[in-house]
Amino acid sequence: MSTIEMISLLGIIAGLAIFVIMSIKGFQLVITAWVAAIAVILTSGQPIMEMITETWANGFVGFIRGYFLIMAPLSST
């Protein structure tokens, strides 16, 4: 395993740890996912803006589109 692959693997583990710790501390999941994704992107060696705008944003929008009714507020005021 090369050095770049090791750094990338450590970035994935760090991103997962960041996600878990921030979730336990009560941060919003959108912010938590974004911070964890940035940690993984920075250690992967991929272009940062391309990964955020094309990969992460498309995945996030797909998740929101698929689970919109579950996340929509059901209470009436």
Protein backbone atom coordinates (compact mmCIF):
# COMPACT_ATOMS: atom_id res chain seq x y z
CA MET A 1 0.00 0.00 0.00
CA SER A 2 1.46 3.33 -1.04
CA THR A 3 1.77 6.44 1.13
CA ILE A 4 -1.01 8.25 -0.74
CA GLU A 5 -3.37 5.32 -0.20
CA MET A 6 -2.52 5.25 3.51
CA ILE A 7 -3.20 8.98 3.88
CA SER A 8 -6.50 8.55 2.04
CA LEU A 9 -7.48 5.64 4.29
CA LEU A 10 -6.62 7.68 7.39
CA GLY A 11 -8.76 10.50 5.97
CA ILE A 12 -11.74 8.17 5.63
CA ILE A 13 -11.30 6.96 9.20
CA ALA A 14 -10.92 10.56 10.42
CA GLY A 15 -14.01 11.62 8.48
CA LEU A 16 -16.03 8.83 10.06
CA ALA A 17 -14.73 9.76 13.51
CA ILE A 18 -15.57 13.43 12.93
CA PHE A 19 -19.06 12.47 11.79
CA VAL A 20 -19.71 10.28 14.83
CA ILE A 21 -18.29 12.74 17.37
CA MET A 22 -20.13 15.75 15.94
CA SER A 23 -23.38 13.74 15.77
CA ILE A 24 -23.04 12.70 19.42
CA LYS A 25 -22.30 16.31 20.42
CA GLY A 26 -25.61 17.37 18.79
CA PHE A 27 -24.49 19.27 15.71
CA GLN A 28 -26.86 19.43 12.74
CA LEU A 29 -26.35 16.51 10.38
CA VAL A 30 -25.94 18.73 7.32
CA ILE A 31 -23.02 20.56 8.91
CA THR A 32 -21.59 17.33 10.31
CA ALA A 33 -21.70 15.60 6.92
CA TRP A 34 -20.11 18.61 5.22
CA VAL A 35 -17.21 18.79 7.70
CA ALA A 36 -16.60 15.03 7.49
CA ALA A 37 -16.70 15.17 3.68
CA ILE A 38 -14.16 18.02 3.66
CA ALA A 39 -11.82 15.94 5.85
CA VAL A 40 -12.04 13.02 3.42
CA ILE A 41 -11.64 15.23 0.34
CA LEU A 42 -8.58 17.02 1.73
CA THR A 43 -6.78 13.75 2.41
CA SER A 44 -7.80 12.03 -0.84
CA GLY A 45 -5.84 14.28 -3.18
CA GLN A 46 -8.87 14.98 -5.37
CA PRO A 47 -9.81 18.47 -6.64
CA ILE A 48 -11.66 20.09 -3.73
CA MET A 49 -14.25 22.20 -5.56
CA GLU A 50 -15.06 19.47 -8.06
CA MET A 51 -15.64 16.93 -5.31
CA ILE A 52 -17.86 19.31 -3.32
CA THR A 53 -19.95 20.63 -6.21
CA GLU A 54 -20.29 17.46 -8.27
CA THR A 55 -19.99 14.50 -5.91
CA TRP A 56 -21.09 15.62 -2.45
CA ALA A 57 -23.75 18.13 -3.55
CA ASN A 58 -25.34 15.69 -6.02
CA GLY A 59 -25.47 12.97 -3.39
CA PHE A 60 -26.96 15.33 -0.82
CA VAL A 61 -29.62 16.58 -3.23
CA GLY A 62 -30.50 12.99 -4.14
CA PHE A 63 -30.89 12.15 -0.45
CA ILE A 64 -33.13 15.16 0.20
CA ARG A 65 -35.21 14.38 -2.90
CA GLY A 66 -35.68 10.76 -1.82
CA TYR A 67 -36.59 11.49 1.79
CA PHE A 68 -38.33 14.85 1.46
CA LEU A 69 -41.70 13.72 2.84
CA ILE A 70 -40.06 12.11 5.87
CA MET A 71 -38.17 15.33 6.68
CA ALA A 72 -41.06 17.70 5.91
CA PRO A 73 -42.63 19.14 9.04
CA LEU A 74 -45.91 17.42 9.81
CA SER A 75 -47.18 19.88 12.42
CA SER A 76 -49.68 22.57 11.55
CA THR A 77 -49.61 26.00 13.11
